[in-house]
N, C-alpha and C. Protein backbone atom coordinates (compact mmCIF):
# COMPACT_ATOMS: atom_id res chain seq x y z
N MET A 1 55.31 20.71 -33.46
CA MET A 1 53.93 20.99 -33.19
C MET A 1 53.35 19.92 -32.28
N HIS A 2 52.32 20.30 -31.58
CA HIS A 2 51.59 19.44 -30.66
C HIS A 2 52.46 18.93 -29.52
N GLU A 3 53.59 19.61 -29.27
CA GLU A 3 54.40 19.29 -28.10
C GLU A 3 54.04 20.26 -26.99
N ASN A 4 54.10 19.79 -25.76
CA ASN A 4 53.79 20.63 -24.61
C ASN A 4 55.06 21.15 -23.98
N TYR A 5 55.02 22.40 -23.56
CA TYR A 5 56.12 23.04 -22.82
C TYR A 5 55.52 23.54 -21.53
N THR A 6 55.98 23.01 -20.39
CA THR A 6 55.43 23.37 -19.10
C THR A 6 56.39 24.30 -18.37
N MET A 7 55.82 25.41 -17.86
CA MET A 7 56.56 26.39 -17.08
C MET A 7 55.72 26.68 -15.84
N GLU A 8 56.24 26.29 -14.67
CA GLU A 8 55.51 26.42 -13.41
C GLU A 8 54.18 25.71 -13.54
N ASN A 9 53.05 26.41 -13.39
CA ASN A 9 51.74 25.75 -13.47
C ASN A 9 51.05 26.00 -14.81
N CYS A 10 51.81 26.37 -15.82
CA CYS A 10 51.25 26.72 -17.11
C CYS A 10 51.85 25.81 -18.19
N THR A 11 50.99 25.33 -19.08
CA THR A 11 51.45 24.50 -20.19
C THR A 11 51.10 25.19 -21.50
N LEU A 12 52.10 25.31 -22.36
CA LEU A 12 51.94 25.93 -23.67
C LEU A 12 52.03 24.83 -24.71
N GLN A 13 51.02 24.75 -25.57
CA GLN A 13 51.01 23.75 -26.63
C GLN A 13 50.91 24.46 -27.98
N VAL A 14 51.86 24.19 -28.87
CA VAL A 14 51.84 24.76 -30.21
C VAL A 14 50.94 23.88 -31.08
N GLU A 15 49.84 24.45 -31.56
CA GLU A 15 48.89 23.72 -32.37
C GLU A 15 49.25 23.75 -33.85
N ASP A 16 49.71 24.91 -34.34
CA ASP A 16 50.05 25.03 -35.76
C ASP A 16 51.00 26.21 -35.94
N ILE A 17 51.86 26.10 -36.96
CA ILE A 17 52.81 27.15 -37.29
C ILE A 17 52.69 27.43 -38.78
N ASP A 18 52.58 28.71 -39.14
CA ASP A 18 52.61 29.12 -40.54
C ASP A 18 53.78 30.08 -40.70
N SER A 19 54.93 29.55 -41.10
CA SER A 19 56.13 30.38 -41.20
C SER A 19 56.01 31.41 -42.33
N GLN A 20 55.23 31.11 -43.37
CA GLN A 20 55.05 32.07 -44.47
C GLN A 20 54.32 33.32 -43.98
N ALA A 21 53.30 33.13 -43.16
CA ALA A 21 52.53 34.25 -42.61
C ALA A 21 53.12 34.76 -41.30
N ALA A 22 54.13 34.06 -40.78
CA ALA A 22 54.76 34.39 -39.49
C ALA A 22 53.73 34.42 -38.37
N LYS A 23 52.97 33.33 -38.28
CA LYS A 23 51.94 33.19 -37.24
C LYS A 23 52.05 31.83 -36.58
N VAL A 24 51.72 31.78 -35.30
CA VAL A 24 51.68 30.52 -34.56
C VAL A 24 50.37 30.48 -33.77
N TRP A 25 49.75 29.31 -33.76
CA TRP A 25 48.52 29.08 -33.00
C TRP A 25 48.93 28.30 -31.76
N VAL A 26 48.66 28.88 -30.59
CA VAL A 26 49.03 28.24 -29.33
C VAL A 26 47.81 28.03 -28.45
N LEU A 27 47.89 27.01 -27.63
CA LEU A 27 46.89 26.70 -26.62
C LEU A 27 47.58 26.81 -25.28
N ILE A 28 47.01 27.58 -24.36
CA ILE A 28 47.60 27.79 -23.04
C ILE A 28 46.70 27.14 -22.00
N LEU A 29 47.28 26.23 -21.22
CA LEU A 29 46.57 25.54 -20.15
C LEU A 29 47.20 25.94 -18.83
N ALA A 30 46.38 26.51 -17.94
CA ALA A 30 46.91 26.98 -16.66
C ALA A 30 46.07 26.43 -15.52
N GLY A 31 46.48 25.29 -15.00
CA GLY A 31 45.79 24.69 -13.86
C GLY A 31 44.33 24.40 -14.16
N ARG A 32 43.46 24.86 -13.28
CA ARG A 32 42.03 24.62 -13.42
C ARG A 32 41.32 25.68 -14.25
N GLU A 33 42.03 26.71 -14.67
CA GLU A 33 41.42 27.77 -15.47
C GLU A 33 41.11 27.25 -16.87
N PRO A 34 40.10 27.84 -17.53
CA PRO A 34 39.79 27.40 -18.90
C PRO A 34 40.99 27.62 -19.83
N SER A 35 41.13 26.75 -20.81
CA SER A 35 42.24 26.91 -21.75
C SER A 35 42.02 28.16 -22.59
N LEU A 36 43.13 28.72 -23.08
CA LEU A 36 43.10 29.92 -23.89
C LEU A 36 43.80 29.61 -25.20
N SER A 37 43.14 29.91 -26.30
CA SER A 37 43.70 29.66 -27.62
C SER A 37 43.93 31.00 -28.30
N MET A 38 45.11 31.18 -28.92
CA MET A 38 45.38 32.44 -29.59
C MET A 38 46.35 32.26 -30.74
N VAL A 39 46.29 33.20 -31.69
CA VAL A 39 47.21 33.23 -32.82
C VAL A 39 48.13 34.43 -32.61
N LEU A 40 49.44 34.19 -32.68
CA LEU A 40 50.43 35.23 -32.40
C LEU A 40 51.39 35.38 -33.58
N GLY A 41 51.89 36.61 -33.73
CA GLY A 41 52.90 36.90 -34.73
C GLY A 41 54.18 37.35 -34.05
N ILE A 42 55.17 37.72 -34.83
CA ILE A 42 56.46 38.16 -34.30
C ILE A 42 56.26 39.37 -33.39
N ASN A 43 56.95 39.35 -32.25
CA ASN A 43 56.91 40.38 -31.20
C ASN A 43 55.63 40.40 -30.38
N ASP A 44 54.68 39.50 -30.66
CA ASP A 44 53.49 39.39 -29.81
C ASP A 44 53.89 38.68 -28.53
N THR A 45 53.21 39.03 -27.44
CA THR A 45 53.51 38.43 -26.14
C THR A 45 52.28 37.71 -25.60
N LEU A 46 52.55 36.80 -24.65
CA LEU A 46 51.49 36.11 -23.94
C LEU A 46 51.96 35.84 -22.54
N SER A 47 51.01 35.74 -21.64
CA SER A 47 51.32 35.42 -20.24
C SER A 47 51.11 33.94 -20.03
N CYS A 48 52.07 33.34 -19.36
CA CYS A 48 52.00 31.91 -19.04
C CYS A 48 52.48 31.78 -17.60
N GLY A 49 51.54 31.65 -16.68
CA GLY A 49 51.90 31.65 -15.27
C GLY A 49 52.43 33.03 -14.90
N LYS A 50 53.59 33.06 -14.26
CA LYS A 50 54.22 34.33 -13.88
C LYS A 50 55.16 34.85 -14.96
N ARG A 51 55.25 34.15 -16.09
CA ARG A 51 56.18 34.53 -17.15
C ARG A 51 55.46 35.24 -18.29
N THR A 52 56.19 36.11 -18.94
CA THR A 52 55.73 36.72 -20.19
C THR A 52 56.61 36.17 -21.30
N LEU A 53 55.97 35.63 -22.32
CA LEU A 53 56.69 35.04 -23.44
C LEU A 53 56.48 35.88 -24.68
N MET A 54 57.52 35.95 -25.53
CA MET A 54 57.44 36.72 -26.77
C MET A 54 57.82 35.84 -27.94
N VAL A 55 57.05 35.95 -29.03
CA VAL A 55 57.37 35.25 -30.27
C VAL A 55 58.51 36.01 -30.93
N MET A 56 59.64 35.33 -31.14
CA MET A 56 60.84 35.98 -31.66
C MET A 56 61.01 35.83 -33.18
N ARG A 57 60.88 34.60 -33.69
CA ARG A 57 61.07 34.38 -35.13
C ARG A 57 60.52 33.02 -35.53
N PHE A 58 60.43 32.84 -36.84
CA PHE A 58 59.95 31.60 -37.42
C PHE A 58 61.00 31.05 -38.36
N TYR A 59 61.06 29.73 -38.44
CA TYR A 59 61.98 29.04 -39.34
C TYR A 59 61.16 28.07 -40.19
N ALA A 60 61.33 28.15 -41.50
CA ALA A 60 60.63 27.24 -42.40
C ALA A 60 61.51 26.03 -42.66
N GLY A 61 60.95 24.85 -42.50
CA GLY A 61 61.68 23.61 -42.76
C GLY A 61 60.99 22.80 -43.84
N GLU A 62 61.68 21.81 -44.34
CA GLU A 62 61.09 20.95 -45.38
C GLU A 62 59.99 20.07 -44.81
N ILE A 63 60.19 19.57 -43.60
CA ILE A 63 59.21 18.66 -42.99
C ILE A 63 58.30 19.40 -42.01
N ALA A 64 58.86 20.36 -41.27
CA ALA A 64 58.07 21.09 -40.27
C ALA A 64 58.64 22.49 -40.11
N ASP A 65 57.80 23.40 -39.63
CA ASP A 65 58.23 24.75 -39.32
C ASP A 65 58.51 24.84 -37.82
N ILE A 66 59.33 25.82 -37.45
CA ILE A 66 59.71 26.00 -36.05
C ILE A 66 59.44 27.45 -35.66
N VAL A 67 58.98 27.64 -34.43
CA VAL A 67 58.80 28.98 -33.89
C VAL A 67 59.71 29.13 -32.67
N CYS A 68 60.35 30.28 -32.54
CA CYS A 68 61.21 30.58 -31.39
C CYS A 68 60.43 31.50 -30.46
N ILE A 69 60.17 31.01 -29.24
CA ILE A 69 59.45 31.79 -28.22
C ILE A 69 60.39 31.95 -27.04
N LYS A 70 60.57 33.19 -26.61
CA LYS A 70 61.53 33.49 -25.54
C LYS A 70 60.81 34.06 -24.31
N SER A 71 61.27 33.65 -23.13
CA SER A 71 60.76 34.21 -21.89
C SER A 71 61.42 35.58 -21.68
N ILE A 72 60.61 36.64 -21.57
CA ILE A 72 61.18 37.98 -21.41
C ILE A 72 61.01 38.50 -19.99
N SER A 73 60.26 37.77 -19.14
CA SER A 73 60.16 38.12 -17.73
C SER A 73 59.68 36.92 -16.95
N GLY A 74 59.93 36.97 -15.66
CA GLY A 74 59.44 35.89 -14.79
C GLY A 74 60.50 34.95 -14.33
């Protein structure tokens, strides 16, 4: 959580993960455009620059949860 992933001119930041509810809260920063905050579940997609990303699955850990997000286009 709170790590940034940059793809082209877009930065995706995972704010929180709830593996029990299968939801992730992300913040999308794209250049000078206003940031976009959203909550996504499995199979939900989001646009990040020229790429489309899809939430694939969640993993529950003892210390932290993990979300798998895959680029499906771009």
